[in-house]
Amino acid sequence: MSGAPEPREASLAIRLPDPGQGPEHDRRLIAAVSGLLDDLVSRVLLSPERVTTAAEGKRLMTADDDSEAFTDTLQRIAMIATPIVRTVARGSRFLPRVPWVLVASTTASLVVTLSAGVREVRVIGSLLAHRLEVATGRPPDPALVKQLAVELYLSPGRTPRLEAGLPLGKLARRWLFRSAIGKDTRRAAHKAIDAAERIDVAALDARWRAR
């Protein structure tokens, strides 16, 4: 509708807990996202191929589709997440003006958004792994690659904090929200990979090891 504001992520106030906290349904979602990230980073680091520039990464985000290996996991996450999105969307103040929110919040649309998100985080993680290897001369810590990739993916304009733990609830909320409103994730992902190319990975590696 003309003149209606676009919903912001905060308007779908999905409060997702850390693993071990909150309702069982939400804990299952966060645990599934955590397992997905573990598998994703393991595949990145085991692969001999690396993304070496942000420009290369942006091309891969558009053309590459390596999410088939995660199909079962993505479908499981989508099945868990679908009722969460529908429940929250029904209470959204935007629903009267954007009635297609619930239509978009299907398992199929969640799988599409999750697949894109997996591809984006994988590419960002591959560039970070490459830069860490070059900067330090040793294999990167998988936990550091995961932490940096997720933090930059969610907040590309901010230097990763490293100390706060993985923001799994925020990552899940991001993907659920964007699936609900049919929002493309690529623009934000491009900002994240540009940030991954700029940040001082040697300093971040030193901070990580000194914790």
N, C-alpha and C. Protein backbone atom coordinates (compact mmCIF):
# COMPACT_ATOMS: atom_id res chain seq x y z
N MET A 1 0.85 -1.18 0.00
CA MET A 1 0.00 0.00 0.00
C MET A 1 0.89 1.24 0.00
N SER A 2 0.53 2.21 -0.81
CA SER A 2 1.31 3.44 -0.91
C SER A 2 1.32 4.17 0.42
N GLY A 3 2.51 4.61 0.81
CA GLY A 3 2.65 5.38 2.03
C GLY A 3 2.82 4.56 3.28
N ALA A 4 2.63 3.23 3.20
CA ALA A 4 2.81 2.37 4.37
C ALA A 4 4.29 2.09 4.57
N PRO A 5 4.78 2.23 5.80
CA PRO A 5 6.20 1.98 6.03
C PRO A 5 6.52 0.50 5.91
N GLU A 6 7.76 0.22 5.51
CA GLU A 6 8.19 -1.17 5.46
C GLU A 6 8.44 -1.66 6.88
N PRO A 7 7.98 -2.86 7.22
CA PRO A 7 8.24 -3.38 8.56
C PRO A 7 9.73 -3.47 8.83
N ARG A 8 10.11 -3.17 10.05
CA ARG A 8 11.49 -3.34 10.48
C ARG A 8 11.61 -4.64 11.26
N GLU A 9 12.83 -5.13 11.38
CA GLU A 9 13.04 -6.40 12.06
C GLU A 9 12.47 -6.37 13.47
N ALA A 10 12.60 -5.23 14.14
CA ALA A 10 12.13 -5.13 15.52
C ALA A 10 10.61 -5.22 15.61
N SER A 11 9.90 -4.97 14.50
CA SER A 11 8.44 -4.98 14.55
C SER A 11 7.89 -6.39 14.73
N LEU A 12 8.66 -7.39 14.31
CA LEU A 12 8.29 -8.77 14.58
C LEU A 12 9.12 -9.19 15.79
N ALA A 13 8.60 -8.93 16.95
CA ALA A 13 9.40 -9.04 18.17
C ALA A 13 9.60 -10.49 18.57
N ILE A 14 10.36 -11.21 17.76
CA ILE A 14 10.63 -12.61 18.04
C ILE A 14 11.73 -12.67 19.08
N ARG A 15 11.42 -13.16 20.25
CA ARG A 15 12.41 -13.27 21.32
C ARG A 15 12.88 -14.71 21.39
N LEU A 16 14.06 -14.98 20.86
CA LEU A 16 14.57 -16.33 20.82
C LEU A 16 15.68 -16.49 21.84
N PRO A 17 15.63 -17.53 22.66
CA PRO A 17 16.58 -17.69 23.75
C PRO A 17 17.87 -18.34 23.30
N ASP A 18 18.86 -18.34 24.18
CA ASP A 18 20.06 -19.11 23.97
C ASP A 18 19.74 -20.58 24.23
N PRO A 19 20.62 -21.49 23.71
CA PRO A 19 20.38 -22.91 23.96
C PRO A 19 20.25 -23.19 25.46
N GLY A 20 19.28 -24.04 25.81
CA GLY A 20 19.10 -24.39 27.21
C GLY A 20 18.14 -23.48 27.94
N GLN A 21 17.64 -22.44 27.27
CA GLN A 21 16.71 -21.51 27.90
C GLN A 21 15.45 -21.40 27.06
N GLY A 22 14.37 -20.90 27.67
CA GLY A 22 13.15 -20.63 26.93
C GLY A 22 12.33 -21.88 26.66
N PRO A 23 11.18 -21.71 25.95
CA PRO A 23 10.31 -22.84 25.64
C PRO A 23 11.03 -23.89 24.80
N GLU A 24 10.57 -25.11 24.90
CA GLU A 24 11.20 -26.22 24.17
C GLU A 24 11.25 -25.95 22.67
N HIS A 25 10.16 -25.40 22.12
CA HIS A 25 10.09 -25.14 20.68
C HIS A 25 11.20 -24.18 20.26
N ASP A 26 11.41 -23.12 21.02
CA ASP A 26 12.43 -22.14 20.69
C ASP A 26 13.84 -22.71 20.90
N ARG A 27 14.00 -23.51 21.94
CA ARG A 27 15.31 -24.13 22.18
C ARG A 27 15.69 -25.04 21.02
N ARG A 28 14.72 -25.76 20.49
CA ARG A 28 14.99 -26.64 19.34
C ARG A 28 15.45 -25.83 18.15
N LEU A 29 14.83 -24.68 17.92
CA LEU A 29 15.23 -23.83 16.80
C LEU A 29 16.66 -23.34 16.96
N ILE A 30 16.99 -22.82 18.14
CA ILE A 30 18.33 -22.29 18.36
C ILE A 30 19.37 -23.40 18.28
N ALA A 31 19.06 -24.57 18.84
CA ALA A 31 19.99 -25.70 18.78
C ALA A 31 20.22 -26.13 17.33
N ALA A 32 19.17 -26.10 16.52
CA ALA A 32 19.30 -26.49 15.11
C ALA A 32 20.16 -25.48 14.35
N VAL A 33 19.97 -24.19 14.61
CA VAL A 33 20.79 -23.16 13.96
C VAL A 33 22.25 -23.30 14.39
N SER A 34 22.48 -23.60 15.67
CA SER A 34 23.84 -23.79 16.17
C SER A 34 24.51 -24.97 15.47
N GLY A 35 23.80 -26.08 15.33
CA GLY A 35 24.36 -27.23 14.63
C GLY A 35 24.64 -26.94 13.17
N LEU A 36 23.75 -26.17 12.54
CA LEU A 36 23.96 -25.77 11.15
C LEU A 36 25.25 -24.98 10.99
N LEU A 37 25.49 -24.03 11.90
CA LEU A 37 26.71 -23.23 11.82
C LEU A 37 27.96 -24.08 12.02
N ASP A 38 27.90 -25.02 12.95
CA ASP A 38 29.04 -25.91 13.17
C ASP A 38 29.38 -26.68 11.89
N ASP A 39 28.36 -27.26 11.26
CA ASP A 39 28.58 -28.01 10.03
C ASP A 39 29.10 -27.11 8.92
N LEU A 40 28.55 -25.91 8.85
CA LEU A 40 28.93 -24.96 7.81
C LEU A 40 30.40 -24.59 7.91
N VAL A 41 30.86 -24.22 9.10
CA VAL A 41 32.25 -23.81 9.28
C VAL A 41 33.19 -25.00 9.08
N SER A 42 32.78 -26.18 9.51
CA SER A 42 33.61 -27.37 9.29
C SER A 42 33.83 -27.61 7.80
N ARG A 43 32.78 -27.47 7.01
CA ARG A 43 32.92 -27.65 5.56
C ARG A 43 33.80 -26.59 4.94
N VAL A 44 33.68 -25.35 5.43
CA VAL A 44 34.54 -24.27 4.93
C VAL A 44 36.01 -24.58 5.17
N LEU A 45 36.33 -24.99 6.39
CA LEU A 45 37.74 -25.18 6.75
C LEU A 45 38.31 -26.47 6.16
N LEU A 46 37.48 -27.47 5.91
CA LEU A 46 37.96 -28.71 5.31
C LEU A 46 38.17 -28.56 3.81
N SER A 47 37.51 -27.59 3.20
CA SER A 47 37.64 -27.39 1.76
C SER A 47 38.99 -26.74 1.44
N PRO A 48 39.67 -27.21 0.39
CA PRO A 48 40.92 -26.57 -0.02
C PRO A 48 40.71 -25.23 -0.72
N GLU A 49 39.48 -24.95 -1.09
CA GLU A 49 39.18 -23.72 -1.81
C GLU A 49 38.84 -22.61 -0.83
N ARG A 50 39.27 -21.39 -1.15
CA ARG A 50 39.01 -20.23 -0.32
C ARG A 50 38.51 -19.07 -1.19
N VAL A 51 37.62 -18.30 -0.61
CA VAL A 51 37.25 -17.01 -1.21
C VAL A 51 38.35 -16.03 -0.82
N THR A 52 38.93 -15.34 -1.78
CA THR A 52 40.09 -14.49 -1.49
C THR A 52 39.81 -12.99 -1.57
N THR A 53 38.68 -12.59 -2.14
CA THR A 53 38.33 -11.17 -2.21
C THR A 53 36.83 -11.01 -2.01
N ALA A 54 36.43 -9.81 -1.63
CA ALA A 54 35.01 -9.52 -1.48
C ALA A 54 34.29 -9.60 -2.82
N ALA A 55 34.95 -9.15 -3.89
CA ALA A 55 34.33 -9.19 -5.21
C ALA A 55 34.03 -10.63 -5.63
N GLU A 56 34.98 -11.52 -5.37
CA GLU A 56 34.75 -12.93 -5.68
C GLU A 56 33.60 -13.47 -4.84
N GLY A 57 33.57 -13.09 -3.57
CA GLY A 57 32.51 -13.55 -2.69
C GLY A 57 31.13 -13.11 -3.15
N LYS A 58 31.01 -11.89 -3.61
CA LYS A 58 29.71 -11.39 -4.08
C LYS A 58 29.24 -12.18 -5.30
N ARG A 59 30.18 -12.55 -6.18
CA ARG A 59 29.80 -13.36 -7.34
C ARG A 59 29.30 -14.73 -6.88
N LEU A 60 29.98 -15.31 -5.90
CA LEU A 60 29.59 -16.63 -5.41
C LEU A 60 28.25 -16.59 -4.70
N MET A 61 27.98 -15.50 -3.99
CA MET A 61 26.69 -15.38 -3.31
C MET A 61 25.54 -15.40 -4.31
N THR A 62 25.79 -14.90 -5.49
CA THR A 62 24.76 -14.85 -6.52
C THR A 62 24.66 -16.16 -7.29
N ALA A 63 25.84 -16.74 -7.61
CA ALA A 63 25.86 -17.88 -8.53
C ALA A 63 25.98 -19.23 -7.84
N ASP A 64 26.60 -19.27 -6.68
CA ASP A 64 26.89 -20.54 -6.05
C ASP A 64 25.68 -21.07 -5.30
N ASP A 65 25.51 -22.37 -5.35
CA ASP A 65 24.43 -22.98 -4.57
C ASP A 65 24.96 -24.27 -3.95
N ASP A 66 25.64 -24.10 -2.84
CA ASP A 66 26.25 -25.24 -2.14
C ASP A 66 25.42 -25.66 -0.94
N SER A 67 24.15 -25.27 -0.94
CA SER A 67 23.31 -25.55 0.23
C SER A 67 22.67 -26.93 0.18
N GLU A 68 22.86 -27.68 -0.93
CA GLU A 68 22.24 -28.99 -1.03
C GLU A 68 22.69 -29.92 0.09
N ALA A 69 23.95 -29.75 0.51
CA ALA A 69 24.47 -30.60 1.58
C ALA A 69 23.72 -30.37 2.89
N PHE A 70 23.03 -29.24 3.00
CA PHE A 70 22.33 -28.89 4.24
C PHE A 70 20.81 -28.99 4.09
N THR A 71 20.35 -29.63 3.01
CA THR A 71 18.91 -29.63 2.72
C THR A 71 18.09 -30.16 3.88
N ASP A 72 18.47 -31.31 4.43
CA ASP A 72 17.68 -31.89 5.51
C ASP A 72 17.65 -30.97 6.74
N THR A 73 18.81 -30.38 7.07
CA THR A 73 18.88 -29.47 8.21
C THR A 73 18.02 -28.24 7.98
N LEU A 74 18.08 -27.67 6.77
CA LEU A 74 17.30 -26.48 6.47
C LEU A 74 15.80 -26.77 6.54
N GLN A 75 15.40 -27.91 6.04
CA GLN A 75 13.98 -28.26 6.10
C GLN A 75 13.53 -28.47 7.54
N ARG A 76 14.40 -29.06 8.37
CA ARG A 76 14.04 -29.25 9.77
C ARG A 76 13.90 -27.92 10.49
N ILE A 77 14.84 -27.00 10.23
CA ILE A 77 14.77 -25.68 10.85
C ILE A 77 13.51 -24.95 10.40
N ALA A 78 13.20 -25.05 9.10
CA ALA A 78 12.02 -24.37 8.57
C ALA A 78 10.74 -24.92 9.21
N MET A 79 10.68 -26.23 9.41
CA MET A 79 9.50 -26.82 10.03
C MET A 79 9.33 -26.34 11.47
N ILE A 80 10.45 -26.21 12.19
CA ILE A 80 10.40 -25.71 13.56
C ILE A 80 9.99 -24.24 13.57
N ALA A 81 10.53 -23.46 12.62
CA ALA A 81 10.36 -22.01 12.64
C ALA A 81 9.02 -21.53 12.10
N THR A 82 8.40 -22.28 11.21
CA THR A 82 7.17 -21.80 10.56
C THR A 82 6.09 -21.37 11.54
N PRO A 83 5.73 -22.19 12.55
CA PRO A 83 4.69 -21.73 13.47
C PRO A 83 5.11 -20.52 14.31
N ILE A 84 6.42 -20.38 14.58
CA ILE A 84 6.89 -19.21 15.32
C ILE A 84 6.62 -17.95 14.51
N VAL A 85 6.99 -17.96 13.25
CA VAL A 85 6.81 -16.78 12.40
C VAL A 85 5.33 -16.46 12.25
N ARG A 86 4.50 -17.48 12.03
CA ARG A 86 3.07 -17.22 11.84
C ARG A 86 2.43 -16.65 13.10
N THR A 87 2.82 -17.18 14.25
CA THR A 87 2.26 -16.68 15.51
C THR A 87 2.64 -15.22 15.74
N VAL A 88 3.93 -14.91 15.53
CA VAL A 88 4.39 -13.54 15.75
C VAL A 88 3.79 -12.59 14.73
N ALA A 89 3.70 -13.03 13.47
CA ALA A 89 3.17 -12.17 12.42
C ALA A 89 1.71 -11.82 12.68
N ARG A 90 0.96 -12.75 13.26
CA ARG A 90 -0.45 -12.46 13.55
C ARG A 90 -0.59 -11.32 14.55
N GLY A 91 0.41 -11.14 15.42
CA GLY A 91 0.35 -10.05 16.38
C GLY A 91 1.07 -8.80 15.94
N SER A 92 1.60 -8.80 14.70
CA SER A 92 2.35 -7.64 14.23
C SER A 92 1.41 -6.47 13.93
N ARG A 93 1.84 -5.27 14.28
CA ARG A 93 1.02 -4.09 13.99
C ARG A 93 0.97 -3.80 12.49
N PHE A 94 1.83 -4.46 11.71
CA PHE A 94 1.83 -4.24 10.27
C PHE A 94 0.85 -5.16 9.55
N LEU A 95 0.35 -6.17 10.23
CA LEU A 95 -0.47 -7.16 9.56
C LEU A 95 -1.70 -6.58 8.86
N PRO A 96 -2.46 -5.64 9.46
CA PRO A 96 -3.63 -5.12 8.74
C PRO A 96 -3.28 -4.45 7.42
N ARG A 97 -2.08 -3.87 7.33
CA ARG A 97 -1.70 -3.19 6.09
C ARG A 97 -0.90 -4.09 5.17
N VAL A 98 -0.33 -5.20 5.70
CA VAL A 98 0.46 -6.10 4.89
C VAL A 98 -0.08 -7.52 5.08
N PRO A 99 -1.25 -7.79 4.56
CA PRO A 99 -1.89 -9.09 4.81
C PRO A 99 -1.16 -10.27 4.22
N TRP A 100 -0.21 -10.02 3.30
CA TRP A 100 0.51 -11.13 2.68
C TRP A 100 1.64 -11.66 3.57
N VAL A 101 1.83 -11.07 4.76
CA VAL A 101 2.90 -11.56 5.63
C VAL A 101 2.71 -13.04 5.94
N LEU A 102 1.50 -13.42 6.34
CA LEU A 102 1.28 -14.82 6.68
C LEU A 102 1.40 -15.73 5.48
N VAL A 103 1.03 -15.24 4.31
CA VAL A 103 1.16 -16.04 3.10
C VAL A 103 2.63 -16.34 2.83
N ALA A 104 3.49 -15.34 3.05
CA ALA A 104 4.91 -15.52 2.79
C ALA A 104 5.58 -16.40 3.82
N SER A 105 4.99 -16.48 5.02
CA SER A 105 5.61 -17.21 6.11
C SER A 105 5.30 -18.69 6.03
N THR A 106 5.77 -19.33 5.00
CA THR A 106 5.55 -20.76 4.81
C THR A 106 6.87 -21.48 4.96
N THR A 107 6.79 -22.78 5.13
CA THR A 107 8.00 -23.58 5.23
C THR A 107 8.85 -23.42 3.98
N ALA A 108 8.21 -23.37 2.81
CA ALA A 108 8.97 -23.25 1.56
C ALA A 108 9.74 -21.94 1.51
N SER A 109 9.11 -20.83 1.91
CA SER A 109 9.81 -19.55 1.85
C SER A 109 10.93 -19.49 2.87
N LEU A 110 10.73 -20.16 4.01
CA LEU A 110 11.80 -20.21 5.00
C LEU A 110 13.00 -20.98 4.47
N VAL A 111 12.77 -22.08 3.77
CA VAL A 111 13.88 -22.85 3.20
C VAL A 111 14.67 -22.00 2.20
N VAL A 112 13.96 -21.23 1.38
CA VAL A 112 14.64 -20.35 0.42
C VAL A 112 15.50 -19.33 1.14
N THR A 113 14.96 -18.67 2.16
CA THR A 113 15.72 -17.68 2.91
C THR A 113 16.88 -18.31 3.65
N LEU A 114 16.66 -19.45 4.26
CA LEU A 114 17.74 -20.14 4.97
C LEU A 114 18.85 -20.58 4.02
N SER A 115 18.47 -21.05 2.84
CA SER A 115 19.48 -21.46 1.86
C SER A 115 20.35 -20.29 1.46
N ALA A 116 19.71 -19.13 1.22
CA ALA A 116 20.48 -17.93 0.88
C ALA A 116 21.38 -17.53 2.04
N GLY A 117 20.86 -17.59 3.26
CA GLY A 117 21.64 -17.22 4.42
C GLY A 117 22.84 -18.12 4.62
N VAL A 118 22.64 -19.42 4.44
CA VAL A 118 23.75 -20.37 4.55
C VAL A 118 24.83 -20.06 3.54
N ARG A 119 24.42 -19.81 2.31
CA ARG A 119 25.39 -19.49 1.26
C ARG A 119 26.17 -18.22 1.61
N GLU A 120 25.47 -17.23 2.11
CA GLU A 120 26.13 -15.95 2.44
C GLU A 120 27.11 -16.11 3.60
N VAL A 121 26.69 -16.79 4.66
CA VAL A 121 27.59 -16.98 5.80
C VAL A 121 28.78 -17.85 5.41
N ARG A 122 28.56 -18.85 4.56
CA ARG A 122 29.65 -19.71 4.12
C ARG A 122 30.70 -18.92 3.35
N VAL A 123 30.24 -18.06 2.45
CA VAL A 123 31.18 -17.27 1.65
C VAL A 123 31.95 -16.30 2.54
N ILE A 124 31.25 -15.64 3.45
CA ILE A 124 31.91 -14.72 4.39
C ILE A 124 32.94 -15.48 5.23
N GLY A 125 32.56 -16.65 5.72
CA GLY A 125 33.47 -17.46 6.52
C GLY A 125 34.70 -17.90 5.73
N SER A 126 34.52 -18.21 4.46
CA SER A 126 35.65 -18.63 3.63
C SER A 126 36.64 -17.49 3.44
N LEU A 127 36.14 -16.28 3.21
CA LEU A 127 37.04 -15.13 3.07
C LEU A 127 37.77 -14.87 4.38
N LEU A 128 37.07 -14.95 5.49
CA LEU A 128 37.71 -14.73 6.79
C LEU A 128 38.77 -15.79 7.07
N ALA A 129 38.47 -17.05 6.74
CA ALA A 129 39.45 -18.12 6.93
C ALA A 129 40.71 -17.85 6.11
N HIS A 130 40.53 -17.43 4.87
CA HIS A 130 41.67 -17.10 4.00
C HIS A 130 42.50 -15.97 4.60
N ARG A 131 41.85 -14.91 5.03
CA ARG A 131 42.57 -13.77 5.57
C ARG A 131 43.28 -14.11 6.87
N LEU A 132 42.67 -14.93 7.70
CA LEU A 132 43.31 -15.35 8.94
C LEU A 132 44.54 -16.22 8.65
N GLU A 133 44.43 -17.11 7.69
CA GLU A 133 45.56 -17.96 7.32
C GLU A 133 46.73 -17.12 6.81
N VAL A 134 46.44 -16.14 5.98
CA VAL A 134 47.49 -15.27 5.45
C VAL A 134 48.10 -14.41 6.55
N ALA A 135 47.27 -13.88 7.42
CA ALA A 135 47.74 -12.95 8.46
C ALA A 135 48.53 -13.64 9.57
N THR A 136 48.15 -14.88 9.90
CA THR A 136 48.76 -15.55 11.05
C THR A 136 49.72 -16.67 10.68
N GLY A 137 49.60 -17.18 9.46
CA GLY A 137 50.46 -18.28 9.04
C GLY A 137 50.07 -19.61 9.63
N ARG A 138 48.86 -19.73 10.15
CA ARG A 138 48.41 -21.01 10.72
C ARG A 138 46.93 -21.20 10.42
N PRO A 139 46.45 -22.43 10.57
CA PRO A 139 45.02 -22.67 10.35
C PRO A 139 44.19 -21.88 11.35
N PRO A 140 43.10 -21.30 10.91
CA PRO A 140 42.28 -20.48 11.81
C PRO A 140 41.49 -21.35 12.78
N ASP A 141 41.20 -20.78 13.93
CA ASP A 141 40.35 -21.43 14.93
C ASP A 141 38.92 -21.47 14.38
N PRO A 142 38.33 -22.66 14.24
CA PRO A 142 36.96 -22.73 13.71
C PRO A 142 35.97 -21.86 14.49
N ALA A 143 36.13 -21.82 15.82
CA ALA A 143 35.21 -21.02 16.63
C ALA A 143 35.35 -19.53 16.32
N LEU A 144 36.57 -19.08 16.03
CA LEU A 144 36.78 -17.68 15.68
C LEU A 144 36.16 -17.37 14.32
N VAL A 145 36.35 -18.26 13.35
CA VAL A 145 35.75 -18.04 12.03
C VAL A 145 34.23 -17.94 12.15
N LYS A 146 33.65 -18.82 12.94
CA LYS A 146 32.19 -18.81 13.13
C LYS A 146 31.75 -17.52 13.80
N GLN A 147 32.45 -17.12 14.85
CA GLN A 147 32.09 -15.90 15.59
C GLN A 147 32.18 -14.67 14.69
N LEU A 148 33.29 -14.53 13.97
CA LEU A 148 33.47 -13.37 13.09
C LEU A 148 32.43 -13.35 11.97
N ALA A 149 32.21 -14.51 11.36
CA ALA A 149 31.27 -14.56 10.24
C ALA A 149 29.86 -14.15 10.67
N VAL A 150 29.41 -14.65 11.81
CA VAL A 150 28.07 -14.34 12.28
C VAL A 150 27.96 -12.89 12.72
N GLU A 151 28.96 -12.41 13.46
CA GLU A 151 28.90 -11.02 13.92
C GLU A 151 28.92 -10.04 12.75
N LEU A 152 29.77 -10.28 11.77
CA LEU A 152 29.82 -9.38 10.61
C LEU A 152 28.55 -9.50 9.76
N TYR A 153 28.02 -10.69 9.65
CA TYR A 153 26.80 -10.89 8.89
C TYR A 153 25.64 -10.10 9.49
N LEU A 154 25.59 -10.06 10.82
CA LEU A 154 24.51 -9.37 11.49
C LEU A 154 24.75 -7.87 11.63
N SER A 155 26.02 -7.47 11.83
CA SER A 155 26.35 -6.06 12.08
C SER A 155 27.63 -5.69 11.34
N PRO A 156 27.56 -5.54 10.02
CA PRO A 156 28.78 -5.28 9.24
C PRO A 156 29.44 -3.94 9.55
N GLY A 157 28.71 -3.00 10.13
CA GLY A 157 29.29 -1.70 10.42
C GLY A 157 29.97 -1.62 11.77
N ARG A 158 30.01 -2.73 12.50
CA ARG A 158 30.56 -2.71 13.85
C ARG A 158 31.70 -3.71 13.97
N THR A 159 32.77 -3.32 14.66
CA THR A 159 33.88 -4.24 14.90
C THR A 159 33.40 -5.39 15.78
N PRO A 160 33.65 -6.63 15.38
CA PRO A 160 33.20 -7.77 16.18
C PRO A 160 33.68 -7.67 17.62
N ARG A 161 32.79 -8.01 18.56
CA ARG A 161 33.12 -7.89 19.97
C ARG A 161 33.81 -9.14 20.52
N LEU A 162 33.48 -10.28 19.97
CA LEU A 162 34.11 -11.57 20.29
C LEU A 162 33.76 -12.11 21.68
N GLU A 163 33.59 -11.24 22.65
CA GLU A 163 33.42 -11.71 24.03
C GLU A 163 31.99 -12.12 24.37
N ALA A 164 31.03 -11.71 23.58
CA ALA A 164 29.63 -11.86 23.96
C ALA A 164 29.04 -13.23 23.63
N GLY A 165 29.77 -14.09 22.93
CA GLY A 165 29.21 -15.37 22.52
C GLY A 165 28.44 -15.23 21.22
N LEU A 166 28.13 -16.35 20.61
CA LEU A 166 27.43 -16.33 19.33
C LEU A 166 26.00 -15.81 19.49
N PRO A 167 25.61 -14.80 18.71
CA PRO A 167 24.24 -14.28 18.78
C PRO A 167 23.27 -15.14 17.97
N LEU A 168 23.07 -16.37 18.42
CA LEU A 168 22.26 -17.32 17.66
C LEU A 168 20.81 -16.87 17.55
N GLY A 169 20.26 -16.32 18.65
CA GLY A 169 18.89 -15.85 18.60
C GLY A 169 18.70 -14.74 17.58
N LYS A 170 19.66 -13.84 17.53
CA LYS A 170 19.57 -12.73 16.58
C LYS A 170 19.68 -13.22 15.15
N LEU A 171 20.55 -14.22 14.91
CA LEU A 171 20.70 -14.77 13.57
C LEU A 171 19.40 -15.44 13.13
N ALA A 172 18.83 -16.27 14.00
CA ALA A 172 17.57 -16.93 13.67
C ALA A 172 16.47 -15.90 13.42
N ARG A 173 16.40 -14.87 14.27
CA ARG A 173 15.39 -13.83 14.12
C ARG A 173 15.54 -13.10 12.78
N ARG A 174 16.79 -12.85 12.38
CA ARG A 174 17.04 -12.19 11.10
C ARG A 174 16.48 -13.00 9.95
N TRP A 175 16.78 -14.28 9.94
CA TRP A 175 16.32 -15.12 8.84
C TRP A 175 14.80 -15.28 8.87
N LEU A 176 14.21 -15.43 10.05
CA LEU A 176 12.76 -15.58 10.14
C LEU A 176 12.05 -14.32 9.69
N PHE A 177 12.56 -13.16 10.11
CA PHE A 177 11.94 -11.90 9.74
C PHE A 177 11.99 -11.69 8.22
N ARG A 178 13.15 -11.95 7.64
CA ARG A 178 13.29 -11.69 6.20
C ARG A 178 12.47 -12.66 5.37
N SER A 179 12.30 -13.86 5.88
CA SER A 179 11.40 -14.78 5.20
C SER A 179 9.96 -14.29 5.29
N ALA A 180 9.58 -13.78 6.45
CA ALA A 180 8.19 -13.35 6.67
C ALA A 180 7.78 -12.22 5.75
N ILE A 181 8.71 -11.29 5.47
CA ILE A 181 8.34 -10.14 4.63
C ILE A 181 8.88 -10.28 3.20
N GLY A 182 9.53 -11.41 2.90
CA GLY A 182 10.05 -11.63 1.56
C GLY A 182 11.19 -10.70 1.19
N LYS A 183 12.03 -10.36 2.16
CA LYS A 183 13.11 -9.40 1.92
C LYS A 183 14.37 -10.10 1.45
N ASP A 184 14.99 -9.57 0.40
CA ASP A 184 16.24 -10.11 -0.13
C ASP A 184 17.37 -9.85 0.86
N THR A 185 18.21 -10.85 1.07
CA THR A 185 19.31 -10.72 2.03
C THR A 185 20.62 -10.27 1.41
N ARG A 186 20.69 -10.17 0.08
CA ARG A 186 21.98 -9.97 -0.57
C ARG A 186 22.62 -8.62 -0.28
N ARG A 187 21.85 -7.57 -0.22
CA ARG A 187 22.45 -6.25 0.01
C ARG A 187 23.18 -6.21 1.34
N ALA A 188 22.55 -6.74 2.39
CA ALA A 188 23.19 -6.76 3.70
C ALA A 188 24.40 -7.69 3.68
N ALA A 189 24.29 -8.81 2.98
CA ALA A 189 25.40 -9.75 2.91
C ALA A 189 26.60 -9.14 2.18
N HIS A 190 26.34 -8.33 1.16
CA HIS A 190 27.44 -7.66 0.46
C HIS A 190 28.16 -6.69 1.38
N LYS A 191 27.43 -5.99 2.23
CA LYS A 191 28.07 -5.11 3.20
C LYS A 191 28.94 -5.92 4.16
N ALA A 192 28.45 -7.09 4.54
CA ALA A 192 29.19 -7.93 5.48
C ALA A 192 30.49 -8.44 4.87
N ILE A 193 30.46 -8.84 3.61
CA ILE A 193 31.69 -9.37 3.03
C ILE A 193 32.68 -8.24 2.73
N ASP A 194 32.17 -7.04 2.45
CA ASP A 194 33.08 -5.89 2.34
C ASP A 194 33.77 -5.64 3.68
N ALA A 195 33.01 -5.77 4.76
CA ALA A 195 33.60 -5.59 6.09
C ALA A 195 34.62 -6.68 6.39
N ALA A 196 34.33 -7.91 5.95
CA ALA A 196 35.26 -9.02 6.17
C ALA A 196 36.59 -8.80 5.45
N GLU A 197 36.54 -8.08 4.34
CA GLU A 197 37.77 -7.79 3.60
C GLU A 197 38.58 -6.66 4.26
N ARG A 198 37.91 -5.79 5.04
CA ARG A 198 38.58 -4.62 5.61
C ARG A 198 39.11 -4.84 7.03
N ILE A 199 38.46 -5.66 7.82
CA ILE A 199 38.79 -5.72 9.25
C ILE A 199 40.21 -6.25 9.48
N ASP A 200 40.77 -5.86 10.61
CA ASP A 200 42.11 -6.28 11.01
C ASP A 200 42.01 -7.67 11.65
N VAL A 201 42.15 -8.71 10.83
CA VAL A 201 41.95 -10.06 11.34
C VAL A 201 43.08 -10.48 12.28
N ALA A 202 44.29 -9.96 12.07
CA ALA A 202 45.40 -10.31 12.96
C ALA A 202 45.13 -9.81 14.38
N ALA A 203 44.63 -8.59 14.49
CA ALA A 203 44.31 -8.03 15.81
C ALA A 203 43.18 -8.80 16.46
N LEU A 204 42.18 -9.18 15.67
CA LEU A 204 41.06 -9.94 16.22
C LEU A 204 41.50 -11.33 16.65
N ASP A 205 42.40 -11.95 15.89
CA ASP A 205 42.93 -13.26 16.27
C ASP A 205 43.69 -13.15 17.60
N ALA A 206 44.48 -12.09 17.75
CA ALA A 206 45.22 -11.89 19.00
C ALA A 206 44.27 -11.70 20.18
N ARG A 207 43.20 -10.90 19.97
CA ARG A 207 42.21 -10.70 21.02
C ARG A 207 41.55 -12.02 21.40
N TRP A 208 41.25 -12.82 20.39
CA TRP A 208 40.58 -14.10 20.62
C TRP A 208 41.45 -15.03 21.45
N ARG A 209 42.72 -15.08 21.15
CA ARG A 209 43.64 -15.98 21.85
C ARG A 209 43.97 -15.48 23.26
N ALA A 210 43.81 -14.20 23.49
CA ALA A 210 44.14 -13.62 24.78
C ALA A 210 42.96 -13.64 25.77
N ARG A 211 41.82 -14.14 25.32
CA ARG A 211 40.63 -14.11 26.20
C ARG A 211 40.87 -14.92 27.47
